[in-house]
Amino acid sequence: MTYETVLNFSQTWGVIYFMALFVGVLIYALRPSARKKFEKAAHLPLEED
């Protein structure tokens, strides 16, 4: 196994891994059932103690 082979493998699967992670985060953040939770979190800094 050469350095170029390992480099090619890691670059290819690294891009696939991070794209899948990005799509997963987008799905998590943009799902309709998460709206109330994110709206509540957005207003937390504005609340008085």
N, C-alpha and C. Protein backbone atom coordinates (compact mmCIF):
# COMPACT_ATOMS: atom_id res chain seq x y z
N MET A 1 0.86 -1.17 0.00
CA MET A 1 0.00 0.00 0.00
C MET A 1 0.91 1.24 0.00
N THR A 2 0.70 2.08 -0.97
CA THR A 2 1.53 3.26 -1.09
C THR A 2 0.85 4.47 -0.45
N TYR A 3 1.63 5.51 -0.30
CA TYR A 3 1.11 6.75 0.27
C TYR A 3 0.00 7.32 -0.60
N GLU A 4 0.15 7.25 -1.90
CA GLU A 4 -0.86 7.79 -2.81
C GLU A 4 -2.18 7.03 -2.69
N THR A 5 -2.11 5.73 -2.48
CA THR A 5 -3.32 4.93 -2.32
C THR A 5 -4.07 5.33 -1.05
N VAL A 6 -3.34 5.46 0.04
CA VAL A 6 -3.95 5.87 1.31
C VAL A 6 -4.51 7.28 1.20
N LEU A 7 -3.78 8.17 0.55
CA LEU A 7 -4.24 9.54 0.38
C LEU A 7 -5.53 9.60 -0.44
N ASN A 8 -5.58 8.86 -1.53
CA ASN A 8 -6.77 8.83 -2.37
C ASN A 8 -7.96 8.27 -1.61
N PHE A 9 -7.74 7.20 -0.87
CA PHE A 9 -8.81 6.59 -0.08
C PHE A 9 -9.34 7.56 0.97
N SER A 10 -8.45 8.20 1.71
CA SER A 10 -8.89 9.10 2.78
C SER A 10 -9.57 10.34 2.22
N GLN A 11 -9.12 10.85 1.10
CA GLN A 11 -9.77 12.02 0.52
C GLN A 11 -11.17 11.68 0.03
N THR A 12 -11.31 10.55 -0.64
CA THR A 12 -12.61 10.15 -1.17
C THR A 12 -13.61 9.90 -0.05
N TRP A 13 -13.25 9.06 0.90
CA TRP A 13 -14.19 8.72 1.97
C TRP A 13 -14.36 9.86 2.96
N GLY A 14 -13.37 10.72 3.09
CA GLY A 14 -13.52 11.88 3.95
C GLY A 14 -14.57 12.83 3.42
N VAL A 15 -14.56 13.07 2.13
CA VAL A 15 -15.57 13.94 1.51
C VAL A 15 -16.95 13.32 1.64
N ILE A 16 -17.05 12.03 1.41
CA ILE A 16 -18.35 11.36 1.53
C ILE A 16 -18.85 11.43 2.98
N TYR A 17 -17.96 11.21 3.94
CA TYR A 17 -18.33 11.27 5.35
C TYR A 17 -18.82 12.66 5.74
N PHE A 18 -18.09 13.69 5.37
CA PHE A 18 -18.49 15.04 5.77
C PHE A 18 -19.74 15.52 5.03
N MET A 19 -19.95 15.08 3.81
CA MET A 19 -21.19 15.41 3.11
C MET A 19 -22.39 14.76 3.79
N ALA A 20 -22.24 13.50 4.19
CA ALA A 20 -23.32 12.81 4.90
C ALA A 20 -23.59 13.48 6.24
N LEU A 21 -22.55 13.88 6.93
CA LEU A 21 -22.71 14.58 8.20
C LEU A 21 -23.43 15.92 8.00
N PHE A 22 -23.06 16.65 6.97
CA PHE A 22 -23.69 17.94 6.66
C PHE A 22 -25.17 17.76 6.34
N VAL A 23 -25.49 16.78 5.53
CA VAL A 23 -26.90 16.52 5.19
C VAL A 23 -27.68 16.12 6.43
N GLY A 24 -27.07 15.32 7.30
CA GLY A 24 -27.73 14.93 8.54
C GLY A 24 -28.01 16.12 9.44
N VAL A 25 -27.08 17.03 9.56
CA VAL A 25 -27.29 18.24 10.38
C VAL A 25 -28.38 19.11 9.76
N LEU A 26 -28.39 19.24 8.45
CA LEU A 26 -29.45 20.02 7.79
C LEU A 26 -30.83 19.42 8.05
N ILE A 27 -30.93 18.11 7.93
CA ILE A 27 -32.21 17.46 8.17
C ILE A 27 -32.64 17.67 9.62
N TYR A 28 -31.70 17.54 10.56
CA TYR A 28 -32.01 17.75 11.97
C TYR A 28 -32.48 19.18 12.23
N ALA A 29 -31.80 20.14 11.66
CA ALA A 29 -32.11 21.54 11.94
C ALA A 29 -33.36 22.03 11.23
N LEU A 30 -33.68 21.49 10.09
CA LEU A 30 -34.80 22.01 9.31
C LEU A 30 -36.08 21.19 9.41
N ARG A 31 -36.09 20.20 10.26
CA ARG A 31 -37.33 19.41 10.40
C ARG A 31 -38.38 20.24 11.12
N PRO A 32 -39.62 20.08 10.74
CA PRO A 32 -40.69 20.92 11.31
C PRO A 32 -40.88 20.74 12.81
N SER A 33 -40.63 19.56 13.34
CA SER A 33 -40.88 19.34 14.77
C SER A 33 -39.84 20.02 15.66
N ALA A 34 -38.73 20.49 15.10
CA ALA A 34 -37.69 21.14 15.90
C ALA A 34 -37.89 22.64 15.99
N ARG A 35 -38.86 23.17 15.31
CA ARG A 35 -39.04 24.63 15.25
C ARG A 35 -39.27 25.23 16.63
N LYS A 36 -40.16 24.64 17.43
CA LYS A 36 -40.46 25.21 18.75
C LYS A 36 -39.22 25.20 19.65
N LYS A 37 -38.45 24.12 19.58
CA LYS A 37 -37.26 24.02 20.42
C LYS A 37 -36.24 25.09 20.04
N PHE A 38 -36.05 25.32 18.75
CA PHE A 38 -35.09 26.33 18.31
C PHE A 38 -35.58 27.75 18.56
N GLU A 39 -36.88 27.97 18.45
CA GLU A 39 -37.41 29.30 18.76
C GLU A 39 -37.26 29.61 20.24
N LYS A 40 -37.48 28.62 21.10
CA LYS A 40 -37.29 28.83 22.54
C LYS A 40 -35.82 29.11 22.84
N ALA A 41 -34.92 28.39 22.22
CA ALA A 41 -33.49 28.60 22.44
C ALA A 41 -33.05 29.96 21.92
N ALA A 42 -33.67 30.46 20.87
CA ALA A 42 -33.31 31.76 20.32
C ALA A 42 -33.72 32.90 21.25
N HIS A 43 -34.76 32.69 22.02
CA HIS A 43 -35.24 33.75 22.92
C HIS A 43 -34.62 33.69 24.32
N LEU A 44 -33.85 32.67 24.62
CA LEU A 44 -33.23 32.55 25.94
C LEU A 44 -32.35 33.75 26.32
N PRO A 45 -31.51 34.27 25.45
CA PRO A 45 -30.68 35.41 25.86
C PRO A 45 -31.48 36.67 26.17
N LEU A 46 -32.70 36.76 25.70
CA LEU A 46 -33.50 37.96 25.90
C LEU A 46 -34.34 37.91 27.17
N GLU A 47 -34.43 36.75 27.80
CA GLU A 47 -35.25 36.60 29.00
C GLU A 47 -34.55 37.18 30.21
N GLU A 48 -35.34 37.73 31.11
CA GLU A 48 -34.81 38.24 32.37
C GLU A 48 -34.72 37.10 33.37
N ASP A 49 -33.75 37.18 34.25
CA ASP A 49 -33.63 36.15 35.30
C ASP A 49 -34.58 36.40 36.44
